[in-house]
Amino acid sequence: MIEADSMWTNEDPRLHLRSSGGEGTPLMLLHGMAGHTHWWDTTAPRLVDSFKPVALDFRGMGDSDWRTDGDYTTDNWIADI
């Protein structure tokens, strides 16, 4: 079961993260286009014995903020990671 939701920001937009707990090496879980963090709801809990999985909603997807300027370039998604 997913234990924690949080919003993270370094600048606009705020990005949504879901943590499944765990004590191991951090593991960033990324969804595909038009996806969201919930794609990992069944997989992430199975990884907590070896990793600390954290799922990210990319800008404009899932519970992350939308950009008012519509800037959703690949370069910005990479910068979000």
Protein backbone atom coordinates (compact mmCIF):
# COMPACT_ATOMS: atom_id res chain seq x y z
CA MET A 1 0.00 0.00 0.00
CA ILE A 2 1.26 3.49 -0.85
CA GLU A 3 2.23 5.23 2.38
CA ALA A 4 2.97 8.84 1.45
CA ASP A 5 2.04 11.50 -1.07
CA SER A 6 3.96 14.74 -1.35
CA MET A 7 4.35 17.74 -3.59
CA TRP A 8 7.87 18.81 -4.51
CA THR A 9 8.94 22.02 -6.15
CA ASN A 10 12.15 23.65 -7.19
CA GLU A 11 10.19 26.13 -9.29
CA ASP A 12 6.89 26.16 -11.20
CA PRO A 13 5.27 23.63 -11.51
CA ARG A 14 4.87 21.61 -8.30
CA LEU A 15 5.48 17.90 -8.95
CA HIS A 16 3.63 15.06 -7.24
CA LEU A 17 5.61 12.17 -5.72
CA ARG A 18 4.33 8.91 -4.18
CA SER A 19 6.59 6.96 -1.84
CA SER A 20 6.06 3.31 -1.00
CA GLY A 21 8.47 3.30 1.93
CA GLY A 22 11.36 0.88 2.03
CA GLU A 23 14.88 1.23 3.35
CA GLY A 24 16.98 0.29 0.33
CA THR A 25 18.47 2.19 -2.57
CA PRO A 26 16.16 4.94 -3.91
CA LEU A 27 14.44 3.92 -7.15
CA MET A 28 12.59 6.53 -9.25
CA LEU A 29 9.54 5.05 -11.01
CA LEU A 30 8.55 6.94 -14.17
CA HIS A 31 5.33 6.49 -16.11
CA GLY A 32 4.83 6.74 -19.86
CA MET A 33 3.01 9.43 -21.80
CA ALA A 34 -0.48 10.26 -20.47
CA GLY A 35 0.30 8.19 -17.37
CA HIS A 36 0.39 8.88 -13.65
CA THR A 37 1.92 7.56 -10.42
CA HIS A 38 -0.92 5.09 -9.87
CA TRP A 39 0.47 2.93 -12.67
CA TRP A 40 2.97 1.76 -10.04
CA ASP A 41 0.48 1.00 -7.23
CA THR A 42 0.78 -2.79 -7.57
CA THR A 43 4.49 -2.91 -8.43
CA ALA A 44 6.01 -0.43 -5.97
CA PRO A 45 5.04 -2.33 -2.78
CA ARG A 46 6.78 -5.42 -4.15
CA LEU A 47 10.05 -3.51 -4.44
CA VAL A 48 10.34 -2.23 -0.85
CA ASP A 49 12.44 -5.16 0.39
CA SER A 50 15.31 -4.08 -1.87
CA PHE A 51 14.58 -0.47 -2.80
CA LYS A 52 12.92 2.75 -1.70
CA PRO A 53 10.57 3.27 -4.68
CA VAL A 54 9.26 6.76 -5.41
CA ALA A 55 6.87 7.40 -8.32
CA LEU A 56 6.81 10.80 -10.06
CA ASP A 57 3.92 12.46 -11.88
CA PHE A 58 5.48 14.46 -14.70
CA ARG A 59 4.42 18.08 -15.10
CA GLY A 60 0.85 18.33 -16.38
CA MET A 61 0.08 14.68 -15.57
CA GLY A 62 -1.55 12.95 -12.62
CA ASP A 63 -1.54 15.19 -9.55
CA SER A 64 1.35 17.43 -10.67
CA ASP A 65 0.60 21.02 -11.59
CA TRP A 66 -0.15 22.14 -15.13
CA ARG A 67 2.00 24.85 -16.68
CA THR A 68 0.07 27.97 -17.67
CA ASP A 69 2.48 28.58 -20.56
CA GLY A 70 1.96 25.05 -21.95
CA ASP A 71 5.69 24.26 -21.79
CA TYR A 72 5.76 20.45 -21.88
CA THR A 73 8.94 19.79 -23.82
CA THR A 74 11.05 16.67 -23.37
CA ASP A 75 13.88 18.86 -22.08
CA ASN A 76 11.66 20.09 -19.24
CA TRP A 77 10.53 16.57 -18.33
CA ILE A 78 14.19 15.54 -18.15
CA ALA A 79 14.95 18.57 -15.97
CA ASP A 80 12.10 17.56 -13.63
CA ILE A 81 13.82 14.26 -12.95
